[in-house]
Amino acid sequence: MGGSSVWDGTLSLDGFNASATALIKQWEEMEVDESLPDWAWRPCYRMGVPSEVEGYLALEGVYRNCGENQIEDRNDFDDADIVADDSWVQSSSDVAHVYDFHAVYSHSYREHPHLSRPWFTLHPCGTSDWMKLLLQETEVMDKEKTLKYLPAWLSVVGQAVGLKIPLELHCSS
């Protein structure tokens, strides 16, 4: 996002840190679903000393039920089948999964990684193209684009992993 007049849709390390800080602050100020914990900055340690510049954004301990709750409308019954208090039948699985979401900035993402598992990244291969389209407002300053980058990115890729980002996160403060 540097000083150029045409934004390329990517973030610098400073831009990532600024966007992460803004996301953490906005998330704490909003009324978010109680089942979601707060985002936090996890510093990387160099020689035993934490670095506030190098680190990653973390949303850890997000609980999701394995099976979808399924509610059936039971309208196909006669008077003999009526249950006194409830005409809905609900079934659900007791199995829960715990997810940790991490957003990490790395210069090595310029090379497309080869992993044998699904993942989402702030990867310049294709992400920059759709981020340009998503944040393409001619009157929005580069600094504001930087601060809105992570919430915008999460609102798209978060859907793929069941992470719903509140709309209030996109409002100007």
N, C-alpha and C. Protein backbone atom coordinates (compact mmCIF):
# COMPACT_ATOMS: atom_id res chain seq x y z
N MET A 1 0.81 -1.18 0.00
CA MET A 1 0.00 0.00 0.00
C MET A 1 0.86 1.24 0.00
N GLY A 2 2.11 1.17 0.08
CA GLY A 2 3.09 2.22 0.09
C GLY A 2 2.63 3.56 -0.44
N GLY A 3 3.50 4.29 -1.11
CA GLY A 3 3.18 5.62 -1.59
C GLY A 3 2.69 5.65 -3.02
N SER A 4 2.49 4.53 -3.65
CA SER A 4 2.07 4.53 -5.05
C SER A 4 0.61 4.95 -5.17
N SER A 5 0.26 5.46 -6.36
CA SER A 5 -1.10 5.93 -6.58
C SER A 5 -2.05 4.77 -6.87
N VAL A 6 -1.53 3.64 -7.30
CA VAL A 6 -2.37 2.48 -7.59
C VAL A 6 -2.06 1.40 -6.55
N TRP A 7 -3.08 1.05 -5.79
CA TRP A 7 -2.91 0.05 -4.75
C TRP A 7 -2.95 -1.34 -5.37
N ASP A 8 -2.02 -2.21 -4.98
CA ASP A 8 -1.94 -3.54 -5.59
C ASP A 8 -2.74 -4.61 -4.86
N GLY A 9 -3.44 -4.26 -3.77
CA GLY A 9 -4.29 -5.22 -3.07
C GLY A 9 -3.58 -6.05 -2.03
N THR A 10 -2.31 -5.74 -1.73
CA THR A 10 -1.57 -6.50 -0.73
C THR A 10 -1.28 -5.61 0.48
N LEU A 11 -0.78 -6.23 1.53
CA LEU A 11 -0.41 -5.53 2.76
C LEU A 11 1.09 -5.64 3.00
N SER A 12 1.68 -4.58 3.53
CA SER A 12 3.05 -4.65 4.02
C SER A 12 3.00 -5.19 5.45
N LEU A 13 4.15 -5.47 6.03
CA LEU A 13 4.19 -5.92 7.43
C LEU A 13 3.59 -4.86 8.35
N ASP A 14 3.95 -3.60 8.12
CA ASP A 14 3.38 -2.52 8.94
C ASP A 14 1.87 -2.42 8.75
N GLY A 15 1.41 -2.60 7.51
CA GLY A 15 -0.03 -2.57 7.23
C GLY A 15 -0.76 -3.71 7.91
N PHE A 16 -0.15 -4.90 7.89
CA PHE A 16 -0.74 -6.06 8.56
C PHE A 16 -0.86 -5.80 10.06
N ASN A 17 0.22 -5.28 10.66
CA ASN A 17 0.20 -5.00 12.10
C ASN A 17 -0.85 -3.95 12.45
N ALA A 18 -0.96 -2.90 11.62
CA ALA A 18 -1.96 -1.85 11.87
C ALA A 18 -3.37 -2.41 11.74
N SER A 19 -3.60 -3.24 10.72
CA SER A 19 -4.92 -3.84 10.51
C SER A 19 -5.26 -4.81 11.65
N ALA A 20 -4.28 -5.57 12.10
CA ALA A 20 -4.50 -6.51 13.21
C ALA A 20 -4.84 -5.75 14.50
N THR A 21 -4.12 -4.67 14.77
CA THR A 21 -4.39 -3.86 15.97
C THR A 21 -5.79 -3.26 15.90
N ALA A 22 -6.17 -2.75 14.73
CA ALA A 22 -7.51 -2.17 14.56
C ALA A 22 -8.59 -3.22 14.73
N LEU A 23 -8.37 -4.43 14.20
CA LEU A 23 -9.35 -5.51 14.33
C LEU A 23 -9.54 -5.89 15.80
N ILE A 24 -8.44 -6.04 16.53
CA ILE A 24 -8.51 -6.39 17.95
C ILE A 24 -9.30 -5.33 18.72
N LYS A 25 -9.01 -4.07 18.47
CA LYS A 25 -9.68 -2.97 19.17
C LYS A 25 -11.17 -2.94 18.84
N GLN A 26 -11.51 -3.02 17.55
CA GLN A 26 -12.92 -3.00 17.15
C GLN A 26 -13.68 -4.19 17.73
N TRP A 27 -13.07 -5.36 17.70
CA TRP A 27 -13.71 -6.59 18.19
C TRP A 27 -14.05 -6.46 19.67
N GLU A 28 -13.12 -5.87 20.44
CA GLU A 28 -13.34 -5.68 21.88
C GLU A 28 -14.45 -4.68 22.16
N GLU A 29 -14.59 -3.67 21.30
CA GLU A 29 -15.59 -2.62 21.51
C GLU A 29 -16.99 -3.02 21.07
N MET A 30 -17.10 -4.04 20.22
CA MET A 30 -18.40 -4.47 19.69
C MET A 30 -19.03 -5.53 20.58
N GLU A 31 -20.32 -5.68 20.41
CA GLU A 31 -21.02 -6.79 21.05
C GLU A 31 -21.01 -7.95 20.07
N VAL A 32 -20.08 -8.87 20.28
CA VAL A 32 -19.91 -10.01 19.40
C VAL A 32 -20.59 -11.21 20.03
N ASP A 33 -20.97 -12.17 19.20
CA ASP A 33 -21.56 -13.42 19.67
C ASP A 33 -20.76 -13.93 20.87
N GLU A 34 -21.47 -14.22 21.97
CA GLU A 34 -20.80 -14.65 23.21
C GLU A 34 -19.98 -15.93 23.04
N SER A 35 -20.30 -16.73 22.03
CA SER A 35 -19.56 -17.97 21.84
C SER A 35 -18.18 -17.73 21.23
N LEU A 36 -17.93 -16.51 20.75
CA LEU A 36 -16.63 -16.21 20.15
C LEU A 36 -15.73 -15.49 21.15
N PRO A 37 -14.50 -15.96 21.29
CA PRO A 37 -13.55 -15.26 22.15
C PRO A 37 -13.04 -14.00 21.44
N ASP A 38 -12.20 -13.24 22.11
CA ASP A 38 -11.61 -12.04 21.51
C ASP A 38 -10.39 -12.42 20.67
N TRP A 39 -10.15 -11.61 19.64
CA TRP A 39 -8.91 -11.73 18.88
C TRP A 39 -7.78 -11.24 19.77
N ALA A 40 -6.60 -11.80 19.61
CA ALA A 40 -5.44 -11.39 20.41
C ALA A 40 -4.19 -11.39 19.53
N TRP A 41 -3.22 -10.59 19.90
CA TRP A 41 -1.93 -10.56 19.21
C TRP A 41 -0.99 -11.50 19.95
N ARG A 42 -0.43 -12.46 19.24
CA ARG A 42 0.53 -13.40 19.83
C ARG A 42 1.92 -13.06 19.29
N PRO A 43 2.78 -12.48 20.13
CA PRO A 43 4.12 -12.11 19.65
C PRO A 43 4.99 -13.34 19.41
N CYS A 44 5.87 -13.21 18.42
CA CYS A 44 6.88 -14.25 18.19
C CYS A 44 8.05 -13.95 19.12
N TYR A 45 8.75 -14.98 19.52
CA TYR A 45 9.87 -14.82 20.43
C TYR A 45 11.18 -14.99 19.68
N ARG A 46 12.06 -14.02 19.83
CA ARG A 46 13.40 -14.09 19.26
C ARG A 46 14.38 -14.07 20.43
N MET A 47 15.15 -15.12 20.54
CA MET A 47 16.13 -15.24 21.62
C MET A 47 15.48 -15.03 22.98
N GLY A 48 14.27 -15.57 23.15
CA GLY A 48 13.57 -15.51 24.43
C GLY A 48 12.85 -14.20 24.72
N VAL A 49 12.92 -13.25 23.80
CA VAL A 49 12.29 -11.94 24.01
C VAL A 49 11.12 -11.79 23.04
N PRO A 50 9.92 -11.44 23.58
CA PRO A 50 8.78 -11.29 22.68
C PRO A 50 8.93 -10.06 21.79
N SER A 51 8.50 -10.20 20.55
CA SER A 51 8.54 -9.09 19.60
C SER A 51 7.12 -8.62 19.34
N GLU A 52 6.88 -7.34 19.54
CA GLU A 52 5.54 -6.79 19.26
C GLU A 52 5.35 -6.56 17.76
N VAL A 53 6.45 -6.48 17.01
CA VAL A 53 6.35 -6.27 15.56
C VAL A 53 6.09 -7.58 14.85
N GLU A 54 6.81 -8.62 15.24
CA GLU A 54 6.62 -9.92 14.61
C GLU A 54 5.72 -10.77 15.48
N GLY A 55 4.66 -11.26 14.89
CA GLY A 55 3.71 -12.08 15.62
C GLY A 55 2.56 -12.44 14.72
N TYR A 56 1.46 -12.84 15.32
CA TYR A 56 0.29 -13.21 14.53
C TYR A 56 -0.98 -12.91 15.29
N LEU A 57 -2.06 -12.81 14.54
CA LEU A 57 -3.38 -12.55 15.08
C LEU A 57 -4.03 -13.89 15.38
N ALA A 58 -4.64 -14.04 16.55
CA ALA A 58 -5.21 -15.33 16.94
C ALA A 58 -6.61 -15.18 17.51
N LEU A 59 -7.49 -16.07 17.08
CA LEU A 59 -8.82 -16.25 17.66
C LEU A 59 -8.85 -17.72 18.04
N GLU A 60 -8.68 -18.00 19.32
CA GLU A 60 -8.49 -19.39 19.75
C GLU A 60 -9.61 -19.85 20.66
N GLY A 61 -9.94 -21.12 20.54
CA GLY A 61 -10.97 -21.71 21.38
C GLY A 61 -12.38 -21.44 20.89
N VAL A 62 -12.59 -21.54 19.58
CA VAL A 62 -13.92 -21.36 19.00
C VAL A 62 -14.58 -22.74 18.94
N TYR A 63 -15.67 -22.91 19.66
CA TYR A 63 -16.35 -24.20 19.75
C TYR A 63 -17.47 -24.28 18.72
N ARG A 64 -17.54 -25.40 18.01
CA ARG A 64 -18.61 -25.66 17.05
C ARG A 64 -19.07 -27.10 17.21
N ASN A 65 -20.38 -27.31 17.16
CA ASN A 65 -20.92 -28.67 17.20
C ASN A 65 -20.59 -29.36 15.89
N CYS A 66 -20.26 -30.64 15.99
CA CYS A 66 -19.92 -31.42 14.80
C CYS A 66 -21.14 -31.59 13.90
N GLY A 67 -22.26 -31.97 14.48
CA GLY A 67 -23.48 -32.16 13.70
C GLY A 67 -24.33 -30.92 13.74
N GLU A 68 -24.97 -30.61 12.64
CA GLU A 68 -25.87 -29.46 12.60
C GLU A 68 -27.10 -29.78 13.44
N ASN A 69 -27.57 -28.81 14.20
CA ASN A 69 -28.84 -28.99 14.89
C ASN A 69 -29.93 -29.11 13.85
N GLN A 70 -30.75 -30.08 14.02
CA GLN A 70 -31.80 -30.32 13.05
C GLN A 70 -33.14 -30.26 13.75
N ILE A 71 -33.98 -29.36 13.30
CA ILE A 71 -35.30 -29.20 13.90
C ILE A 71 -36.33 -29.53 12.85
N GLU A 72 -37.22 -30.43 13.20
CA GLU A 72 -38.25 -30.85 12.26
C GLU A 72 -39.60 -30.30 12.68
N ASP A 73 -40.35 -29.79 11.72
CA ASP A 73 -41.72 -29.35 11.98
C ASP A 73 -42.60 -30.59 11.84
N ARG A 74 -43.27 -30.94 12.90
CA ARG A 74 -44.09 -32.15 12.91
C ARG A 74 -45.56 -31.79 12.75
N ASN A 75 -46.00 -31.56 11.53
CA ASN A 75 -47.40 -31.24 11.26
C ASN A 75 -48.19 -32.45 10.79
N ASP A 76 -47.54 -33.58 10.61
CA ASP A 76 -48.22 -34.77 10.08
C ASP A 76 -48.61 -35.73 11.21
N PHE A 77 -49.36 -35.24 12.16
CA PHE A 77 -49.78 -36.09 13.28
C PHE A 77 -51.28 -35.89 13.51
N ASP A 78 -51.88 -36.90 14.16
CA ASP A 78 -53.29 -36.74 14.53
C ASP A 78 -53.38 -36.40 16.01
N ASP A 79 -54.57 -36.19 16.52
CA ASP A 79 -54.74 -35.74 17.91
C ASP A 79 -54.15 -36.70 18.93
N ALA A 80 -54.06 -37.98 18.59
CA ALA A 80 -53.52 -38.97 19.53
C ALA A 80 -52.01 -38.79 19.70
N ASP A 81 -51.34 -38.18 18.71
CA ASP A 81 -49.90 -38.01 18.76
C ASP A 81 -49.45 -36.69 19.39
N ILE A 82 -50.37 -35.85 19.79
CA ILE A 82 -50.00 -34.52 20.29
C ILE A 82 -49.23 -34.65 21.60
N VAL A 83 -48.10 -33.98 21.65
CA VAL A 83 -47.30 -33.89 22.86
C VAL A 83 -47.75 -32.62 23.57
N ALA A 84 -47.97 -32.70 24.86
CA ALA A 84 -48.57 -31.60 25.61
C ALA A 84 -47.83 -30.26 25.44
N ASP A 85 -46.51 -30.25 25.56
CA ASP A 85 -45.79 -28.98 25.58
C ASP A 85 -45.07 -28.64 24.28
N ASP A 86 -44.78 -29.62 23.47
CA ASP A 86 -43.89 -29.34 22.35
C ASP A 86 -44.29 -30.13 21.11
N SER A 87 -44.40 -29.46 20.00
CA SER A 87 -44.66 -30.17 18.75
C SER A 87 -43.43 -30.13 17.84
N TRP A 88 -42.29 -29.77 18.39
CA TRP A 88 -41.03 -29.75 17.65
C TRP A 88 -40.13 -30.87 18.17
N VAL A 89 -39.44 -31.50 17.30
CA VAL A 89 -38.48 -32.52 17.70
C VAL A 89 -37.11 -32.00 17.32
N GLN A 90 -36.21 -31.98 18.27
CA GLN A 90 -34.87 -31.48 18.00
C GLN A 90 -33.86 -32.59 18.28
N SER A 91 -32.94 -32.77 17.34
CA SER A 91 -31.87 -33.73 17.55
C SER A 91 -30.56 -33.03 17.25
N SER A 92 -29.55 -33.34 18.03
CA SER A 92 -28.25 -32.74 17.77
C SER A 92 -27.16 -33.70 18.23
N SER A 93 -25.98 -33.46 17.74
CA SER A 93 -24.83 -34.27 18.10
C SER A 93 -24.15 -33.64 19.31
N ASP A 94 -23.63 -34.46 20.21
CA ASP A 94 -22.93 -33.96 21.38
C ASP A 94 -21.45 -33.74 21.11
N VAL A 95 -21.01 -34.06 19.89
CA VAL A 95 -19.60 -33.92 19.56
C VAL A 95 -19.31 -32.47 19.18
N ALA A 96 -18.32 -31.88 19.83
CA ALA A 96 -17.93 -30.49 19.53
C ALA A 96 -16.50 -30.46 19.03
N HIS A 97 -16.23 -29.53 18.16
CA HIS A 97 -14.88 -29.30 17.67
C HIS A 97 -14.41 -27.94 18.17
N VAL A 98 -13.13 -27.83 18.46
CA VAL A 98 -12.55 -26.57 18.90
C VAL A 98 -11.60 -26.10 17.80
N TYR A 99 -11.81 -24.86 17.35
CA TYR A 99 -10.99 -24.31 16.27
C TYR A 99 -10.15 -23.16 16.78
N ASP A 100 -8.94 -23.05 16.25
CA ASP A 100 -8.07 -21.91 16.47
C ASP A 100 -7.82 -21.28 15.10
N PHE A 101 -8.04 -19.98 15.00
CA PHE A 101 -7.82 -19.25 13.76
C PHE A 101 -6.62 -18.33 13.95
N HIS A 102 -5.65 -18.42 13.05
CA HIS A 102 -4.46 -17.59 13.12
C HIS A 102 -4.28 -16.87 11.79
N ALA A 103 -3.99 -15.59 11.85
CA ALA A 103 -3.64 -14.81 10.66
C ALA A 103 -2.19 -14.40 10.84
N VAL A 104 -1.34 -14.86 9.93
CA VAL A 104 0.11 -14.68 10.04
C VAL A 104 0.62 -13.94 8.81
N TYR A 105 1.49 -12.97 9.02
CA TYR A 105 2.14 -12.28 7.90
C TYR A 105 3.51 -12.90 7.70
N SER A 106 3.82 -13.22 6.47
CA SER A 106 5.13 -13.78 6.17
C SER A 106 5.56 -13.37 4.77
N HIS A 107 6.81 -12.95 4.65
CA HIS A 107 7.33 -12.59 3.33
C HIS A 107 7.38 -13.80 2.41
N SER A 108 7.48 -15.01 2.98
CA SER A 108 7.58 -16.22 2.16
C SER A 108 6.29 -16.54 1.42
N TYR A 109 5.18 -15.86 1.75
CA TYR A 109 3.93 -16.11 1.04
C TYR A 109 3.98 -15.63 -0.40
N ARG A 110 5.06 -14.98 -0.79
CA ARG A 110 5.24 -14.61 -2.19
C ARG A 110 5.39 -15.88 -3.03
N GLU A 111 5.94 -16.92 -2.45
CA GLU A 111 6.02 -18.24 -3.09
C GLU A 111 4.77 -19.01 -2.70
N HIS A 112 4.11 -19.62 -3.65
CA HIS A 112 2.90 -20.38 -3.32
C HIS A 112 3.30 -21.65 -2.57
N PRO A 113 2.80 -21.83 -1.34
CA PRO A 113 3.17 -23.01 -0.55
C PRO A 113 2.49 -24.28 -1.07
N HIS A 114 3.10 -25.40 -0.83
CA HIS A 114 2.53 -26.69 -1.23
C HIS A 114 2.25 -27.50 0.02
N LEU A 115 0.98 -27.53 0.41
CA LEU A 115 0.56 -28.30 1.58
C LEU A 115 -0.45 -29.35 1.16
N SER A 116 -0.55 -30.38 1.94
CA SER A 116 -1.52 -31.43 1.62
C SER A 116 -2.78 -31.30 2.47
N ARG A 117 -3.11 -30.10 2.91
CA ARG A 117 -4.33 -29.87 3.70
C ARG A 117 -4.90 -28.50 3.31
N PRO A 118 -6.20 -28.32 3.51
CA PRO A 118 -6.80 -27.04 3.14
C PRO A 118 -6.40 -25.92 4.10
N TRP A 119 -6.23 -24.72 3.56
CA TRP A 119 -5.91 -23.57 4.38
C TRP A 119 -6.19 -22.31 3.59
N PHE A 120 -6.30 -21.19 4.27
CA PHE A 120 -6.54 -19.90 3.64
C PHE A 120 -5.46 -18.94 4.12
N THR A 121 -4.94 -18.13 3.21
CA THR A 121 -3.88 -17.21 3.57
C THR A 121 -4.10 -15.86 2.92
N LEU A 122 -3.36 -14.88 3.43
CA LEU A 122 -3.27 -13.59 2.76
C LEU A 122 -2.21 -13.76 1.68
N HIS A 123 -2.51 -14.59 0.72
CA HIS A 123 -1.54 -14.97 -0.29
C HIS A 123 -1.71 -14.13 -1.54
N PRO A 124 -0.65 -13.47 -2.00
CA PRO A 124 -0.78 -12.56 -3.14
C PRO A 124 -1.20 -13.21 -4.46
N CYS A 125 -1.12 -14.52 -4.60
CA CYS A 125 -1.46 -15.15 -5.88
C CYS A 125 -2.80 -14.67 -6.43
N GLY A 126 -3.85 -14.81 -5.67
CA GLY A 126 -5.16 -14.39 -6.14
C GLY A 126 -5.85 -13.46 -5.17
N THR A 127 -5.42 -13.49 -3.92
CA THR A 127 -6.07 -12.69 -2.89
C THR A 127 -6.01 -11.20 -3.22
N SER A 128 -4.88 -10.74 -3.70
CA SER A 128 -4.73 -9.31 -3.97
C SER A 128 -5.74 -8.83 -5.00
N ASP A 129 -6.05 -9.66 -6.00
CA ASP A 129 -7.01 -9.25 -7.03
C ASP A 129 -8.40 -9.04 -6.45
N TRP A 130 -8.89 -9.99 -5.66
CA TRP A 130 -10.24 -9.80 -5.13
C TRP A 130 -10.28 -8.82 -3.97
N MET A 131 -9.16 -8.64 -3.27
CA MET A 131 -9.13 -7.61 -2.23
C MET A 131 -9.17 -6.22 -2.84
N LYS A 132 -8.53 -6.04 -4.01
CA LYS A 132 -8.64 -4.75 -4.70
C LYS A 132 -10.09 -4.46 -5.05
N LEU A 133 -10.78 -5.47 -5.56
CA LEU A 133 -12.19 -5.28 -5.91
C LEU A 133 -13.05 -5.03 -4.67
N LEU A 134 -12.78 -5.76 -3.61
CA LEU A 134 -13.58 -5.65 -2.39
C LEU A 134 -13.42 -4.28 -1.72
N LEU A 135 -12.22 -3.75 -1.74
CA LEU A 135 -11.95 -2.48 -1.07
C LEU A 135 -11.80 -1.31 -2.05
N GLN A 136 -12.29 -1.49 -3.26
CA GLN A 136 -12.11 -0.48 -4.29
C GLN A 136 -13.13 0.65 -4.13
N GLU A 137 -12.78 1.60 -3.30
CA GLU A 137 -13.57 2.82 -3.14
C GLU A 137 -12.62 3.96 -3.42
N THR A 138 -12.92 4.74 -4.42
CA THR A 138 -11.98 5.78 -4.84
C THR A 138 -11.73 6.82 -3.76
N GLU A 139 -12.70 7.04 -2.87
CA GLU A 139 -12.54 8.08 -1.86
C GLU A 139 -11.91 7.56 -0.56
N VAL A 140 -11.70 6.28 -0.45
CA VAL A 140 -11.10 5.71 0.76
C VAL A 140 -9.59 5.85 0.68
N MET A 141 -9.01 6.39 1.72
CA MET A 141 -7.56 6.59 1.76
C MET A 141 -6.85 5.26 1.97
N ASP A 142 -5.57 5.21 1.57
CA ASP A 142 -4.79 3.99 1.72
C ASP A 142 -4.75 3.51 3.16
N LYS A 143 -4.63 4.44 4.12
CA LYS A 143 -4.56 4.04 5.53
C LYS A 143 -5.85 3.35 5.95
N GLU A 144 -6.99 3.87 5.50
CA GLU A 144 -8.27 3.25 5.85
C GLU A 144 -8.41 1.87 5.20
N LYS A 145 -7.92 1.73 3.97
CA LYS A 145 -7.93 0.42 3.31
C LYS A 145 -7.10 -0.57 4.12
N THR A 146 -5.96 -0.11 4.60
CA THR A 146 -5.09 -0.97 5.40
C THR A 146 -5.82 -1.46 6.65
N LEU A 147 -6.49 -0.54 7.35
CA LEU A 147 -7.17 -0.91 8.59
C LEU A 147 -8.37 -1.81 8.35
N LYS A 148 -8.99 -1.72 7.19
CA LYS A 148 -10.17 -2.54 6.88
C LYS A 148 -9.81 -3.86 6.19
N TYR A 149 -8.54 -4.05 5.87
CA TYR A 149 -8.11 -5.21 5.09
C TYR A 149 -8.46 -6.54 5.78
N LEU A 150 -8.02 -6.74 7.01
CA LEU A 150 -8.25 -8.02 7.69
C LEU A 150 -9.73 -8.30 7.94
N PRO A 151 -10.53 -7.32 8.41
CA PRO A 151 -11.97 -7.61 8.54
C PRO A 151 -12.62 -7.99 7.21
N ALA A 152 -12.22 -7.30 6.13
CA ALA A 152 -12.78 -7.62 4.81
C ALA A 152 -12.36 -9.02 4.38
N TRP A 153 -11.08 -9.34 4.55
CA TRP A 153 -10.58 -10.65 4.17
C TRP A 153 -11.26 -11.75 4.98
N LEU A 154 -11.40 -11.53 6.30
CA LEU A 154 -12.05 -12.52 7.16
C LEU A 154 -13.52 -12.70 6.81
N SER A 155 -14.19 -11.64 6.38
CA SER A 155 -15.60 -11.77 6.04
C SER A 155 -15.80 -12.66 4.82
N VAL A 156 -14.78 -12.78 3.98
CA VAL A 156 -14.87 -13.66 2.81
C VAL A 156 -14.41 -15.07 3.16
N VAL A 157 -13.17 -15.23 3.61
CA VAL A 157 -12.65 -16.58 3.85
C VAL A 157 -13.19 -17.19 5.13
N GLY A 158 -13.63 -16.38 6.07
CA GLY A 158 -14.20 -16.91 7.31
C GLY A 158 -15.44 -17.75 7.07
N GLN A 159 -16.21 -17.40 6.03
CA GLN A 159 -17.41 -18.16 5.72
C GLN A 159 -17.10 -19.62 5.39
N ALA A 160 -15.96 -19.85 4.78
CA ALA A 160 -15.58 -21.21 4.39
C ALA A 160 -15.31 -22.11 5.60
N VAL A 161 -14.98 -21.50 6.73
CA VAL A 161 -14.68 -22.28 7.93
C VAL A 161 -15.69 -22.03 9.04
N GLY A 162 -16.82 -21.40 8.70
CA GLY A 162 -17.89 -21.20 9.66
C GLY A 162 -17.68 -20.04 10.61
N LEU A 163 -16.76 -19.14 10.29
CA LEU A 163 -16.50 -17.98 11.13
C LEU A 163 -17.29 -16.80 10.58
N LYS A 164 -18.28 -16.36 11.35
CA LYS A 164 -19.12 -15.26 10.91
C LYS A 164 -18.60 -13.95 11.50
N ILE A 165 -18.28 -13.02 10.63
CA ILE A 165 -17.74 -11.73 11.05
C ILE A 165 -18.89 -10.73 11.15
N PRO A 166 -19.06 -10.07 12.30
CA PRO A 166 -20.16 -9.10 12.47
C PRO A 166 -20.06 -7.94 11.48
N LEU A 167 -21.20 -7.50 10.97
CA LEU A 167 -21.24 -6.39 10.02
C LEU A 167 -20.71 -5.10 10.63
N GLU A 168 -20.88 -4.92 11.94
CA GLU A 168 -20.41 -3.71 12.61
C GLU A 168 -18.91 -3.50 12.43
N LEU A 169 -18.19 -4.56 12.14
CA LEU A 169 -16.75 -4.48 11.96
C LEU A 169 -16.39 -3.66 10.72
N HIS A 170 -17.32 -3.55 9.79
CA HIS A 170 -17.06 -2.83 8.54
C HIS A 170 -17.48 -1.38 8.61
N CYS A 171 -18.12 -0.97 9.69
CA CYS A 171 -18.56 0.42 9.84
C CYS A 171 -17.37 1.28 10.23
N SER A 172 -17.37 2.50 9.75
CA SER A 172 -16.29 3.44 10.12
C SER A 172 -16.46 3.84 11.57
N SER A 173 -15.33 3.93 12.28
CA SER A 173 -15.41 4.31 13.69
C SER A 173 -15.36 5.80 13.85
